[in-house]
Amino acid sequence: MPDQPIVVWNEIPVSDMKKAIAFYNSVFGYNMTIDATGPNPIAVLGGNMTVVGGHLYPGKPANSGGPTVHLAVPGKVEDAAKRCRAAGGEIVGEAITIPPGRFIYAKDPDGNSIGLFEPAA
């Protein structure tokens, strides 16, 4: 298993699909829409079902914010933080630098814990 991906998919529960899609499209530059082809409506993160990733789905977010999903942002993490606030999210702390890049902890409008991640150049 050492050559296999560790995380292969994630699901983020949201209380309002349209509001959540608007938030993620605004903050991350996605072009997501609702996909109703399965048993439940979903919105694929990034809008591309052909790659490993994740999706939003109608559900009840965890009271504590649940696990943190880190998502790559276009451009600088500080610009993503501004878009996050403007779209109704919350920034939780300052930018943190690690060898693969920089990130800021945030919460989406439902209180889900997300990381705004800027890969190292």
PDB file of N, CA and C in Angstrom:
ATOM      1  N   MET A   1       0.805  -1.222   0.000  1.00  0.00           N
ATOM      2  CA  MET A   1       0.000   0.000   0.000  1.00  0.00           C
ATOM      3  C   MET A   1       0.843   1.280   0.000  1.00  0.00           C
ATOM      4  N   PRO A   2       2.162   1.253   0.155  1.00  0.00           N
ATOM      5  CA  PRO A   2       2.878   2.522   0.241  1.00  0.00           C
ATOM      6  C   PRO A   2       2.759   3.403  -1.001  1.00  0.00           C
ATOM      7  N   ASP A   3       2.465   2.804  -2.171  1.00  0.00           N
ATOM      8  CA  ASP A   3       2.343   3.598  -3.388  1.00  0.00           C
ATOM      9  C   ASP A   3       0.909   3.999  -3.706  1.00  0.00           C
ATOM     10  N   GLN A   4      -0.027   3.627  -2.847  1.00  0.00           N
ATOM     11  CA  GLN A   4      -1.429   3.947  -3.062  1.00  0.00           C
ATOM     12  C   GLN A   4      -1.780   5.270  -2.384  1.00  0.00           C
ATOM     13  N   PRO A   5      -2.738   6.032  -2.948  1.00  0.00           N
ATOM     14  CA  PRO A   5      -3.178   7.244  -2.270  1.00  0.00           C
ATOM     15  C   PRO A   5      -3.722   6.919  -0.879  1.00  0.00           C
ATOM     16  N   ILE A   6      -3.473   7.773   0.077  1.00  0.00           N
ATOM     17  CA  ILE A   6      -3.955   7.572   1.444  1.00  0.00           C
ATOM     18  C   ILE A   6      -5.417   7.991   1.547  1.00  0.00           C
ATOM     19  N   VAL A   7      -5.749   9.158   1.045  1.00  0.00           N
ATOM     20  CA  VAL A   7      -7.129   9.629   1.035  1.00  0.00           C
ATOM     21  C   VAL A   7      -7.607   9.531  -0.410  1.00  0.00           C
ATOM     22  N   VAL A   8      -8.704   8.817  -0.643  1.00  0.00           N
ATOM     23  CA  VAL A   8      -9.163   8.631  -2.011  1.00  0.00           C
ATOM     24  C   VAL A   8     -10.447   9.397  -2.339  1.00  0.00           C
ATOM     25  N   TRP A   9     -11.179   9.812  -1.337  1.00  0.00           N
ATOM     26  CA  TRP A   9     -12.413  10.564  -1.592  1.00  0.00           C
ATOM     27  C   TRP A   9     -12.833  11.230  -0.303  1.00  0.00           C
ATOM     28  N   ASN A  10     -13.537  12.336  -0.381  1.00  0.00           N
ATOM     29  CA  ASN A  10     -14.105  12.949   0.814  1.00  0.00           C
ATOM     30  C   ASN A  10     -15.495  13.456   0.495  1.00  0.00           C
ATOM     31  N   GLU A  11     -16.308  13.524   1.528  1.00  0.00           N
ATOM     32  CA  GLU A  11     -17.675  14.020   1.404  1.00  0.00           C
ATOM     33  C   GLU A  11     -17.888  15.086   2.470  1.00  0.00           C
ATOM     34  N   ILE A  12     -18.421  16.222   2.062  1.00  0.00           N
ATOM     35  CA  ILE A  12     -18.664  17.317   2.995  1.00  0.00           C
ATOM     36  C   ILE A  12     -20.177  17.520   3.100  1.00  0.00           C
ATOM     37  N   PRO A  13     -20.750  17.287   4.290  1.00  0.00           N
ATOM     38  CA  PRO A  13     -22.191  17.475   4.444  1.00  0.00           C
ATOM     39  C   PRO A  13     -22.538  18.958   4.540  1.00  0.00           C
ATOM     40  N   VAL A  14     -23.587  19.362   3.842  1.00  0.00           N
ATOM     41  CA  VAL A  14     -24.018  20.764   3.855  1.00  0.00           C
ATOM     42  C   VAL A  14     -25.530  20.838   4.026  1.00  0.00           C
ATOM     43  N   SER A  15     -25.996  21.901   4.643  1.00  0.00           N
ATOM     44  CA  SER A  15     -27.431  22.046   4.902  1.00  0.00           C
ATOM     45  C   SER A  15     -28.183  22.673   3.732  1.00  0.00           C
ATOM     46  N   ASP A  16     -27.491  23.405   2.870  1.00  0.00           N
ATOM     47  CA  ASP A  16     -28.120  24.080   1.736  1.00  0.00           C
ATOM     48  C   ASP A  16     -27.190  23.934   0.535  1.00  0.00           C
ATOM     49  N   MET A  17     -27.524  23.051  -0.381  1.00  0.00           N
ATOM     50  CA  MET A  17     -26.652  22.762  -1.519  1.00  0.00           C
ATOM     51  C   MET A  17     -26.337  24.006  -2.350  1.00  0.00           C
ATOM     52  N   LYS A  18     -27.344  24.804  -2.673  1.00  0.00           N
ATOM     53  CA  LYS A  18     -27.111  25.983  -3.518  1.00  0.00           C
ATOM     54  C   LYS A  18     -26.179  26.981  -2.835  1.00  0.00           C
ATOM     55  N   LYS A  19     -26.402  27.216  -1.555  1.00  0.00           N
ATOM     56  CA  LYS A  19     -25.550  28.142  -0.803  1.00  0.00           C
ATOM     57  C   LYS A  19     -24.119  27.600  -0.701  1.00  0.00           C
ATOM     58  N   ALA A  20     -23.987  26.308  -0.450  1.00  0.00           N
ATOM     59  CA  ALA A  20     -22.665  25.694  -0.336  1.00  0.00           C
ATOM     60  C   ALA A  20     -21.922  25.731  -1.667  1.00  0.00           C
ATOM     61  N   ILE A  21     -22.611  25.440  -2.759  1.00  0.00           N
ATOM     62  CA  ILE A  21     -21.983  25.485  -4.079  1.00  0.00           C
ATOM     63  C   ILE A  21     -21.481  26.901  -4.362  1.00  0.00           C
ATOM     64  N   ALA A  22     -22.298  27.907  -4.048  1.00  0.00           N
ATOM     65  CA  ALA A  22     -21.877  29.292  -4.268  1.00  0.00           C
ATOM     66  C   ALA A  22     -20.622  29.611  -3.460  1.00  0.00           C
ATOM     67  N   PHE A  23     -20.555  29.146  -2.199  1.00  0.00           N
ATOM     68  CA  PHE A  23     -19.389  29.383  -1.347  1.00  0.00           C
ATOM     69  C   PHE A  23     -18.144  28.736  -1.954  1.00  0.00           C
ATOM     70  N   TYR A  24     -18.189  27.447  -2.251  1.00  0.00           N
ATOM     71  CA  TYR A  24     -17.010  26.741  -2.760  1.00  0.00           C
ATOM     72  C   TYR A  24     -16.602  27.246  -4.146  1.00  0.00           C
ATOM     73  N   ASN A  25     -17.566  27.574  -4.998  1.00  0.00           N
ATOM     74  CA  ASN A  25     -17.233  28.148  -6.304  1.00  0.00           C
ATOM     75  C   ASN A  25     -16.520  29.484  -6.137  1.00  0.00           C
ATOM     76  N   SER A  26     -16.989  30.311  -5.208  1.00  0.00           N
ATOM     77  CA  SER A  26     -16.392  31.621  -4.984  1.00  0.00           C
ATOM     78  C   SER A  26     -14.990  31.527  -4.394  1.00  0.00           C
ATOM     79  N   VAL A  27     -14.815  30.735  -3.355  1.00  0.00           N
ATOM     80  CA  VAL A  27     -13.529  30.667  -2.655  1.00  0.00           C
ATOM     81  C   VAL A  27     -12.466  29.953  -3.484  1.00  0.00           C
ATOM     82  N   PHE A  28     -12.827  28.843  -4.130  1.00  0.00           N
ATOM     83  CA  PHE A  28     -11.840  28.009  -4.807  1.00  0.00           C
ATOM     84  C   PHE A  28     -11.835  28.147  -6.329  1.00  0.00           C
ATOM     85  N   GLY A  29     -12.720  28.959  -6.886  1.00  0.00           N
ATOM     86  CA  GLY A  29     -12.755  29.136  -8.329  1.00  0.00           C
ATOM     87  C   GLY A  29     -13.333  27.947  -9.078  1.00  0.00           C
ATOM     88  N   TYR A  30     -14.141  27.132  -8.393  1.00  0.00           N
ATOM     89  CA  TYR A  30     -14.762  25.980  -9.025  1.00  0.00           C
ATOM     90  C   TYR A  30     -15.931  26.425  -9.899  1.00  0.00           C
ATOM     91  N   ASN A  31     -16.432  25.489 -10.687  1.00  0.00           N
ATOM     92  CA  ASN A  31     -17.636  25.689 -11.483  1.00  0.00           C
ATOM     93  C   ASN A  31     -18.561  24.496 -11.224  1.00  0.00           C
ATOM     94  N   MET A  32     -18.889  24.284  -9.950  1.00  0.00           N
ATOM     95  CA  MET A  32     -19.691  23.124  -9.553  1.00  0.00           C
ATOM     96  C   MET A  32     -21.169  23.362  -9.826  1.00  0.00           C
ATOM     97  N   THR A  33     -21.856  22.270 -10.117  1.00  0.00           N
ATOM     98  CA  THR A  33     -23.307  22.284 -10.257  1.00  0.00           C
ATOM     99  C   THR A  33     -23.845  21.047  -9.540  1.00  0.00           C
ATOM    100  N   ILE A  34     -25.142  21.008  -9.357  1.00  0.00           N
ATOM    101  CA  ILE A  34     -25.750  19.845  -8.710  1.00  0.00           C
ATOM    102  C   ILE A  34     -25.865  18.712  -9.725  1.00  0.00           C
ATOM    103  N   ASP A  35     -25.397  17.534  -9.327  1.00  0.00           N
ATOM    104  CA  ASP A  35     -25.489  16.325 -10.131  1.00  0.00           C
ATOM    105  C   ASP A  35     -26.532  15.430  -9.464  1.00  0.00           C
ATOM    106  N   ALA A  36     -27.642  15.198 -10.139  1.00  0.00           N
ATOM    107  CA  ALA A  36     -28.734  14.407  -9.570  1.00  0.00           C
ATOM    108  C   ALA A  36     -28.837  13.034 -10.214  1.00  0.00           C
ATOM    109  N   THR A  37     -27.737  12.508 -10.757  1.00  0.00           N
ATOM    110  CA  THR A  37     -27.789  11.219 -11.445  1.00  0.00           C
ATOM    111  C   THR A  37     -27.766  10.028 -10.496  1.00  0.00           C
ATOM    112  N   GLY A  38     -27.346  10.232  -9.253  1.00  0.00           N
ATOM    113  CA  GLY A  38     -27.283   9.144  -8.283  1.00  0.00           C
ATOM    114  C   GLY A  38     -28.460   9.148  -7.347  1.00  0.00           C
ATOM    115  N   PRO A  39     -28.372   8.380  -6.267  1.00  0.00           N
ATOM    116  CA  PRO A  39     -29.481   8.302  -5.316  1.00  0.00           C
ATOM    117  C   PRO A  39     -29.663   9.589  -4.507  1.00  0.00           C
ATOM    118  N   ASN A  40     -28.604  10.379  -4.378  1.00  0.00           N
ATOM    119  CA  ASN A  40     -28.667  11.664  -3.676  1.00  0.00           C
ATOM    120  C   ASN A  40     -28.014  12.726  -4.549  1.00  0.00           C
ATOM    121  N   PRO A  41     -28.493  13.967  -4.478  1.00  0.00           N
ATOM    122  CA  PRO A  41     -27.809  15.014  -5.230  1.00  0.00           C
ATOM    123  C   PRO A  41     -26.428  15.263  -4.630  1.00  0.00           C
ATOM    124  N   ILE A  42     -25.460  15.536  -5.491  1.00  0.00           N
ATOM    125  CA  ILE A  42     -24.114  15.873  -5.046  1.00  0.00           C
ATOM    126  C   ILE A  42     -23.599  17.028  -5.895  1.00  0.00           C
ATOM    127  N   ALA A  43     -22.529  17.647  -5.450  1.00  0.00           N
ATOM    128  CA  ALA A  43     -21.802  18.641  -6.240  1.00  0.00           C
ATOM    129  C   ALA A  43     -20.326  18.284  -6.099  1.00  0.00           C
ATOM    130  N   VAL A  44     -19.717  17.839  -7.190  1.00  0.00           N
ATOM    131  CA  VAL A  44     -18.342  17.365  -7.168  1.00  0.00           C
ATOM    132  C   VAL A  44     -17.395  18.553  -6.986  1.00  0.00           C
ATOM    133  N   LEU A  45     -16.505  18.445  -5.993  1.00  0.00           N
ATOM    134  CA  LEU A  45     -15.526  19.509  -5.755  1.00  0.00           C
ATOM    135  C   LEU A  45     -14.689  19.704  -7.013  1.00  0.00           C
ATOM    136  N   GLY A  46     -14.604  20.925  -7.487  1.00  0.00           N
ATOM    137  CA  GLY A  46     -13.889  21.220  -8.713  1.00  0.00           C
ATOM    138  C   GLY A  46     -14.701  20.958  -9.962  1.00  0.00           C
ATOM    139  N   GLY A  47     -15.791  20.208  -9.829  1.00  0.00           N
ATOM    140  CA  GLY A  47     -16.661  19.940 -10.957  1.00  0.00           C
ATOM    141  C   GLY A  47     -16.189  18.817 -11.866  1.00  0.00           C
ATOM    142  N   ASN A  48     -15.128  18.072 -11.491  1.00  0.00           N
ATOM    143  CA  ASN A  48     -14.574  17.049 -12.362  1.00  0.00           C
ATOM    144  C   ASN A  48     -14.706  15.677 -11.720  1.00  0.00           C
ATOM    145  N   MET A  49     -15.617  14.863 -12.212  1.00  0.00           N
ATOM    146  CA  MET A  49     -15.876  13.535 -11.649  1.00  0.00           C
ATOM    147  C   MET A  49     -14.832  12.515 -12.096  1.00  0.00           C
ATOM    148  N   THR A  50     -13.961  12.849 -13.061  1.00  0.00           N
ATOM    149  CA  THR A  50     -13.010  11.878 -13.592  1.00  0.00           C
ATOM    150  C   THR A  50     -11.729  11.770 -12.778  1.00  0.00           C
ATOM    151  N   VAL A  51     -11.564  12.611 -11.753  1.00  0.00           N
ATOM    152  CA  VAL A  51     -10.376  12.546 -10.902  1.00  0.00           C
ATOM    153  C   VAL A  51     -10.785  12.239  -9.474  1.00  0.00           C
ATOM    154  N   VAL A  52      -9.860  11.712  -8.696  1.00  0.00           N
ATOM    155  CA  VAL A  52     -10.128  11.449  -7.286  1.00  0.00           C
ATOM    156  C   VAL A  52     -10.281  12.787  -6.587  1.00  0.00           C
ATOM    157  N   GLY A  53     -11.280  12.926  -5.752  1.00  0.00           N
ATOM    158  CA  GLY A  53     -11.515  14.193  -5.073  1.00  0.00           C
ATOM    159  C   GLY A  53     -12.559  14.058  -3.998  1.00  0.00           C
ATOM    160  N   GLY A  54     -13.712  14.649  -4.230  1.00  0.00           N
ATOM    161  CA  GLY A  54     -14.772  14.594  -3.248  1.00  0.00           C
ATOM    162  C   GLY A  54     -15.978  15.360  -3.723  1.00  0.00           C
ATOM    163  N   HIS A  55     -16.969  15.453  -2.836  1.00  0.00           N
ATOM    164  CA  HIS A  55     -18.178  16.182  -3.206  1.00  0.00           C
ATOM    165  C   HIS A  55     -18.911  16.712  -1.979  1.00  0.00           C
ATOM    166  N   LEU A  56     -19.816  17.640  -2.240  1.00  0.00           N
ATOM    167  CA  LEU A  56     -20.770  18.126  -1.246  1.00  0.00           C
ATOM    168  C   LEU A  56     -22.003  17.246  -1.366  1.00  0.00           C
ATOM    169  N   TYR A  57     -22.719  17.078  -0.249  1.00  0.00           N
ATOM    170  CA  TYR A  57     -23.974  16.337  -0.301  1.00  0.00           C
ATOM    171  C   TYR A  57     -24.898  16.876   0.785  1.00  0.00           C
ATOM    172  N   PRO A  58     -26.226  16.748   0.604  1.00  0.00           N
ATOM    173  CA  PRO A  58     -27.146  17.201   1.636  1.00  0.00           C
ATOM    174  C   PRO A  58     -26.973  16.341   2.881  1.00  0.00           C
ATOM    175  N   GLY A  59     -26.661  16.969   3.984  1.00  0.00           N
ATOM    176  CA  GLY A  59     -26.458  16.220   5.216  1.00  0.00           C
ATOM    177  C   GLY A  59     -26.323  17.148   6.397  1.00  0.00           C
ATOM    178  N   LYS A  60     -26.084  16.574   7.550  1.00  0.00           N
ATOM    179  CA  LYS A  60     -25.946  17.350   8.783  1.00  0.00           C
ATOM    180  C   LYS A  60     -24.460  17.441   9.144  1.00  0.00           C
ATOM    181  N   PRO A  61     -23.884  18.655   9.070  1.00  0.00           N
ATOM    182  CA  PRO A  61     -22.486  18.813   9.457  1.00  0.00           C
ATOM    183  C   PRO A  61     -22.263  18.442  10.922  1.00  0.00           C
ATOM    184  N   ALA A  62     -21.060  17.972  11.232  1.00  0.00           N
ATOM    185  CA  ALA A  62     -20.703  17.631  12.618  1.00  0.00           C
ATOM    186  C   ALA A  62     -20.726  18.885  13.476  1.00  0.00           C
ATOM    187  N   ASN A  63     -21.154  18.750  14.726  1.00  0.00           N
ATOM    188  CA  ASN A  63     -21.193  19.895  15.627  1.00  0.00           C
ATOM    189  C   ASN A  63     -19.831  20.528  15.833  1.00  0.00           C
ATOM    190  N   SER A  64     -18.779  19.723  15.824  1.00  0.00           N
ATOM    191  CA  SER A  64     -17.433  20.240  16.078  1.00  0.00           C
ATOM    192  C   SER A  64     -16.708  20.629  14.807  1.00  0.00           C
ATOM    193  N   GLY A  65     -17.343  20.559  13.639  1.00  0.00           N
ATOM    194  CA  GLY A  65     -16.692  20.863  12.379  1.00  0.00           C
ATOM    195  C   GLY A  65     -16.145  19.629  11.699  1.00  0.00           C
ATOM    196  N   GLY A  66     -16.074  18.506  12.412  1.00  0.00           N
ATOM    197  CA  GLY A  66     -15.615  17.254  11.825  1.00  0.00           C
ATOM    198  C   GLY A  66     -14.158  17.292  11.419  1.00  0.00           C
ATOM    199  N   PRO A  67     -13.734  16.329  10.606  1.00  0.00           N
ATOM    200  CA  PRO A  67     -12.349  16.320  10.128  1.00  0.00           C
ATOM    201  C   PRO A  67     -12.097  17.528   9.231  1.00  0.00           C
ATOM    202  N   THR A  68     -10.859  17.898   9.079  1.00  0.00           N
ATOM    203  CA  THR A  68     -10.505  19.031   8.222  1.00  0.00           C
ATOM    204  C   THR A  68     -10.106  18.523   6.848  1.00  0.00           C
ATOM    205  N   VAL A  69     -10.774  19.032   5.818  1.00  0.00           N
ATOM    206  CA  VAL A  69     -10.429  18.742   4.435  1.00  0.00           C
ATOM    207  C   VAL A  69      -9.632  19.932   3.917  1.00  0.00           C
ATOM    208  N   HIS A  70      -8.392  19.695   3.465  1.00  0.00           N
ATOM    209  CA  HIS A  70      -7.556  20.765   2.909  1.00  0.00           C
ATOM    210  C   HIS A  70      -7.709  20.762   1.395  1.00  0.00           C
ATOM    211  N   LEU A  71      -8.053  21.921   0.844  1.00  0.00           N
ATOM    212  CA  LEU A  71      -8.291  22.054  -0.588  1.00  0.00           C
ATOM    213  C   LEU A  71      -7.355  23.108  -1.166  1.00  0.00           C
ATOM    214  N   ALA A  72      -6.740  22.799  -2.304  1.00  0.00           N
ATOM    215  CA  ALA A  72      -5.832  23.743  -2.957  1.00  0.00           C
ATOM    216  C   ALA A  72      -6.611  24.951  -3.462  1.00  0.00           C
ATOM    217  N   VAL A  73      -6.038  26.130  -3.278  1.00  0.00           N
ATOM    218  CA  VAL A  73      -6.659  27.371  -3.729  1.00  0.00           C
ATOM    219  C   VAL A  73      -5.873  27.932  -4.911  1.00  0.00           C
ATOM    220  N   PRO A  74      -6.551  28.663  -5.788  1.00  0.00           N
ATOM    221  CA  PRO A  74      -5.808  29.359  -6.831  1.00  0.00           C
ATOM    222  C   PRO A  74      -5.140  30.589  -6.218  1.00  0.00           C
ATOM    223  N   GLY A  75      -3.889  30.831  -6.538  1.00  0.00           N
ATOM    224  CA  GLY A  75      -3.198  32.024  -6.041  1.00  0.00           C
ATOM    225  C   GLY A  75      -2.771  31.912  -4.592  1.00  0.00           C
ATOM    226  N   LYS A  76      -2.642  33.059  -3.951  1.00  0.00           N
ATOM    227  CA  LYS A  76      -2.156  33.157  -2.573  1.00  0.00           C
ATOM    228  C   LYS A  76      -3.239  32.790  -1.567  1.00  0.00           C
ATOM    229  N   VAL A  77      -2.804  32.183  -0.475  1.00  0.00           N
ATOM    230  CA  VAL A  77      -3.731  31.756   0.566  1.00  0.00           C
ATOM    231  C   VAL A  77      -4.429  32.964   1.216  1.00  0.00           C
ATOM    232  N   GLU A  78      -3.750  34.095   1.290  1.00  0.00           N
ATOM    233  CA  GLU A  78      -4.372  35.300   1.871  1.00  0.00           C
ATOM    234  C   GLU A  78      -5.542  35.784   1.019  1.00  0.00           C
ATOM    235  N   ASP A  79      -5.410  35.683  -0.310  1.00  0.00           N
ATOM    236  CA  ASP A  79      -6.514  36.070  -1.200  1.00  0.00           C
ATOM    237  C   ASP A  79      -7.696  35.116  -1.035  1.00  0.00           C
ATOM    238  N   ALA A  80      -7.389  33.833  -0.865  1.00  0.00           N
ATOM    239  CA  ALA A  80      -8.456  32.849  -0.634  1.00  0.00           C
ATOM    240  C   ALA A  80      -9.169  33.133   0.686  1.00  0.00           C
ATOM    241  N   ALA A  81      -8.418  33.561   1.706  1.00  0.00           N
ATOM    242  CA  ALA A  81      -9.023  33.897   2.998  1.00  0.00           C
ATOM    243  C   ALA A  81     -10.004  35.062   2.847  1.00  0.00           C
ATOM    244  N   LYS A  82      -9.647  36.047   2.032  1.00  0.00           N
ATOM    245  CA  LYS A  82     -10.561  37.175   1.783  1.00  0.00           C
ATOM    246  C   LYS A  82     -11.827  36.694   1.081  1.00  0.00           C
ATOM    247  N   ARG A  83     -11.652  35.823   0.086  1.00  0.00           N
ATOM    248  CA  ARG A  83     -12.826  35.297  -0.620  1.00  0.00           C
ATOM    249  C   ARG A  83     -13.698  34.466   0.318  1.00  0.00           C
ATOM    250  N   CYS A  84     -13.057  33.720   1.215  1.00  0.00           N
ATOM    251  CA  CYS A  84     -13.777  32.901   2.187  1.00  0.00           C
ATOM    252  C   CYS A  84     -14.668  33.770   3.066  1.00  0.00           C
ATOM    253  N   ARG A  85     -14.089  34.824   3.627  1.00  0.00           N
ATOM    254  CA  ARG A  85     -14.878  35.736   4.483  1.00  0.00           C
ATOM    255  C   ARG A  85     -16.022  36.370   3.690  1.00  0.00           C
ATOM    256  N   ALA A  86     -15.718  36.841   2.479  1.00  0.00           N
ATOM    257  CA  ALA A  86     -16.726  37.522   1.653  1.00  0.00           C
ATOM    258  C   ALA A  86     -17.870  36.583   1.279  1.00  0.00           C
ATOM    259  N   ALA A  87     -17.583  35.282   1.187  1.00  0.00           N
ATOM    260  CA  ALA A  87     -18.603  34.312   0.802  1.00  0.00           C
ATOM    261  C   ALA A  87     -19.356  33.730   2.000  1.00  0.00           C
ATOM    262  N   GLY A  88     -19.064  34.224   3.203  1.00  0.00           N
ATOM    263  CA  GLY A  88     -19.801  33.777   4.383  1.00  0.00           C
ATOM    264  C   GLY A  88     -19.085  32.769   5.246  1.00  0.00           C
ATOM    265  N   GLY A  89     -17.815  32.481   4.946  1.00  0.00           N
ATOM    266  CA  GLY A  89     -17.032  31.560   5.757  1.00  0.00           C
ATOM    267  C   GLY A  89     -16.313  32.281   6.882  1.00  0.00           C
ATOM    268  N   GLU A  90     -15.558  31.520   7.661  1.00  0.00           N
ATOM    269  CA  GLU A  90     -14.828  32.062   8.812  1.00  0.00           C
ATOM    270  C   GLU A  90     -13.371  31.606   8.736  1.00  0.00           C
ATOM    271  N   ILE A  91     -12.457  32.510   9.003  1.00  0.00           N
ATOM    272  CA  ILE A  91     -11.033  32.180   9.058  1.00  0.00           C
ATOM    273  C   ILE A  91     -10.680  31.895  10.513  1.00  0.00           C
ATOM    274  N   VAL A  92      -9.951  30.788  10.731  1.00  0.00           N
ATOM    275  CA  VAL A  92      -9.614  30.362  12.084  1.00  0.00           C
ATOM    276  C   VAL A  92      -8.089  30.307  12.199  1.00  0.00           C
ATOM    277  N   GLY A  93      -7.469  31.452  12.447  1.00  0.00           N
ATOM    278  CA  GLY A  93      -6.020  31.489  12.619  1.00  0.00           C
ATOM    279  C   GLY A  93      -5.289  32.139  11.467  1.00  0.00           C
ATOM    280  N   GLU A  94      -3.979  32.090  11.559  1.00  0.00           N
ATOM    281  CA  GLU A  94      -3.086  32.706  10.584  1.00  0.00           C
ATOM    282  C   GLU A  94      -2.528  31.648   9.645  1.00  0.00           C
ATOM    283  N   ALA A  95      -1.868  32.108   8.583  1.00  0.00           N
ATOM    284  CA  ALA A  95      -1.237  31.190   7.633  1.00  0.00           C
ATOM    285  C   ALA A  95      -0.126  30.398   8.326  1.00  0.00           C
ATOM    286  N   ILE A  96      -0.056  29.127   8.005  1.00  0.00           N
ATOM    287  CA  ILE A  96       0.952  28.215   8.555  1.00  0.00           C
ATOM    288  C   ILE A  96       1.769  27.680   7.385  1.00  0.00           C
ATOM    289  N   THR A  97       3.095  27.738   7.509  1.00  0.00           N
ATOM    290  CA  THR A  97       3.979  27.240   6.459  1.00  0.00           C
ATOM    291  C   THR A  97       4.494  25.858   6.835  1.00  0.00           C
ATOM    292  N   ILE A  98       4.384  24.937   5.877  1.00  0.00           N
ATOM    293  CA  ILE A  98       4.921  23.584   6.023  1.00  0.00           C
ATOM    294  C   ILE A  98       5.714  23.291   4.742  1.00  0.00           C
ATOM    295  N   PRO A  99       6.547  22.269   4.702  1.00  0.00           N
ATOM    296  CA  PRO A  99       7.347  22.035   3.503  1.00  0.00           C
ATOM    297  C   PRO A  99       6.557  21.988   2.183  1.00  0.00           C
ATOM    298  N   PRO A 100       5.344  21.362   2.131  1.00  0.00           N
ATOM    299  CA  PRO A 100       4.641  21.330   0.848  1.00  0.00           C
ATOM    300  C   PRO A 100       3.931  22.623   0.467  1.00  0.00           C
ATOM    301  N   GLY A 101       3.855  23.615   1.374  1.00  0.00           N
ATOM    302  CA  GLY A 101       3.157  24.858   1.049  1.00  0.00           C
ATOM    303  C   GLY A 101       2.708  25.616   2.278  1.00  0.00           C
ATOM    304  N   ARG A 102       1.599  26.330   2.135  1.00  0.00           N
ATOM    305  CA  ARG A 102       1.047  27.140   3.228  1.00  0.00           C
ATOM    306  C   ARG A 102      -0.455  26.903   3.285  1.00  0.00           C
ATOM    307  N   PHE A 103      -1.020  27.001   4.515  1.00  0.00           N
ATOM    308  CA  PHE A 103      -2.461  26.840   4.638  1.00  0.00           C
ATOM    309  C   PHE A 103      -3.001  27.682   5.772  1.00  0.00           C
ATOM    310  N   ILE A 104      -4.302  27.915   5.711  1.00  0.00           N
ATOM    311  CA  ILE A 104      -5.047  28.610   6.758  1.00  0.00           C
ATOM    312  C   ILE A 104      -6.266  27.752   7.077  1.00  0.00           C
ATOM    313  N   TYR A 105      -6.499  27.529   8.365  1.00  0.00           N
ATOM    314  CA  TYR A 105      -7.721  26.836   8.769  1.00  0.00           C
ATOM    315  C   TYR A 105      -8.908  27.780   8.599  1.00  0.00           C
ATOM    316  N   ALA A 106     -10.034  27.218   8.136  1.00  0.00           N
ATOM    317  CA  ALA A 106     -11.243  28.008   7.932  1.00  0.00           C
ATOM    318  C   ALA A 106     -12.455  27.136   8.193  1.00  0.00           C
ATOM    319  N   LYS A 107     -13.632  27.750   8.172  1.00  0.00           N
ATOM    320  CA  LYS A 107     -14.898  27.018   8.264  1.00  0.00           C
ATOM    321  C   LYS A 107     -15.801  27.525   7.154  1.00  0.00           C
ATOM    322  N   ASP A 108     -16.519  26.585   6.524  1.00  0.00           N
ATOM    323  CA  ASP A 108     -17.489  26.991   5.513  1.00  0.00           C
ATOM    324  C   ASP A 108     -18.747  27.495   6.226  1.00  0.00           C
ATOM    325  N   PRO A 109     -19.755  28.003   5.497  1.00  0.00           N
ATOM    326  CA  PRO A 109     -20.951  28.536   6.159  1.00  0.00           C
ATOM    327  C   PRO A 109     -21.692  27.546   7.045  1.00  0.00           C
ATOM    328  N   ASP A 110     -21.501  26.222   6.839  1.00  0.00           N
ATOM    329  CA  ASP A 110     -22.129  25.210   7.686  1.00  0.00           C
ATOM    330  C   ASP A 110     -21.285  24.857   8.893  1.00  0.00           C
ATOM    331  N   GLY A 111     -20.088  25.447   9.007  1.00  0.00           N
ATOM    332  CA  GLY A 111     -19.201  25.142  10.123  1.00  0.00           C
ATOM    333  C   GLY A 111     -18.258  23.977   9.863  1.00  0.00           C
ATOM    334  N   ASN A 112     -18.262  23.435   8.627  1.00  0.00           N
ATOM    335  CA  ASN A 112     -17.320  22.368   8.289  1.00  0.00           C
ATOM    336  C   ASN A 112     -15.900  22.921   8.310  1.00  0.00           C
ATOM    337  N   SER A 113     -14.981  22.169   8.890  1.00  0.00           N
ATOM    338  CA  SER A 113     -13.585  22.565   8.959  1.00  0.00           C
ATOM    339  C   SER A 113     -12.911  22.302   7.614  1.00  0.00           C
ATOM    340  N   ILE A 114     -12.308  23.347   7.030  1.00  0.00           N
ATOM    341  CA  ILE A 114     -11.577  23.199   5.775  1.00  0.00           C
ATOM    342  C   ILE A 114     -10.235  23.901   5.910  1.00  0.00           C
ATOM    343  N   GLY A 115      -9.291  23.476   5.101  1.00  0.00           N
ATOM    344  CA  GLY A 115      -8.001  24.142   5.024  1.00  0.00           C
ATOM    345  C   GLY A 115      -7.867  24.771   3.659  1.00  0.00           C
ATOM    346  N   LEU A 116      -7.479  26.037   3.625  1.00  0.00           N
ATOM    347  CA  LEU A 116      -7.201  26.729   2.369  1.00  0.00           C
ATOM    348  C   LEU A 116      -5.721  26.526   2.103  1.00  0.00           C
ATOM    349  N   PHE A 117      -5.360  25.715   1.108  1.00  0.00           N
ATOM    350  CA  PHE A 117      -3.968  25.295   0.912  1.00  0.00           C
ATOM    351  C   PHE A 117      -3.355  25.888  -0.342  1.00  0.00           C
ATOM    352  N   GLU A 118      -2.200  26.534  -0.181  1.00  0.00           N
ATOM    353  CA  GLU A 118      -1.416  27.085  -1.295  1.00  0.00           C
ATOM    354  C   GLU A 118      -0.165  26.224  -1.451  1.00  0.00           C
ATOM    355  N   PRO A 119      -0.079  25.435  -2.528  1.00  0.00           N
ATOM    356  CA  PRO A 119       1.117  24.583  -2.709  1.00  0.00           C
ATOM    357  C   PRO A 119       2.382  25.426  -2.838  1.00  0.00           C
ATOM    358  N   ALA A 120       3.503  24.860  -2.390  1.00  0.00           N
ATOM    359  CA  ALA A 120       4.799  25.535  -2.521  1.00  0.00           C
ATOM    360  C   ALA A 120       5.111  25.708  -4.000  1.00  0.00           C
ATOM    361  N   ALA A 121       5.831  26.761  -4.305  1.00  0.00           N
ATOM    362  CA  ALA A 121       6.185  27.041  -5.712  1.00  0.00           C
ATOM    363  C   ALA A 121       7.178  26.013  -6.229  1.00  0.00           C
TER     364      ALA A 121
END
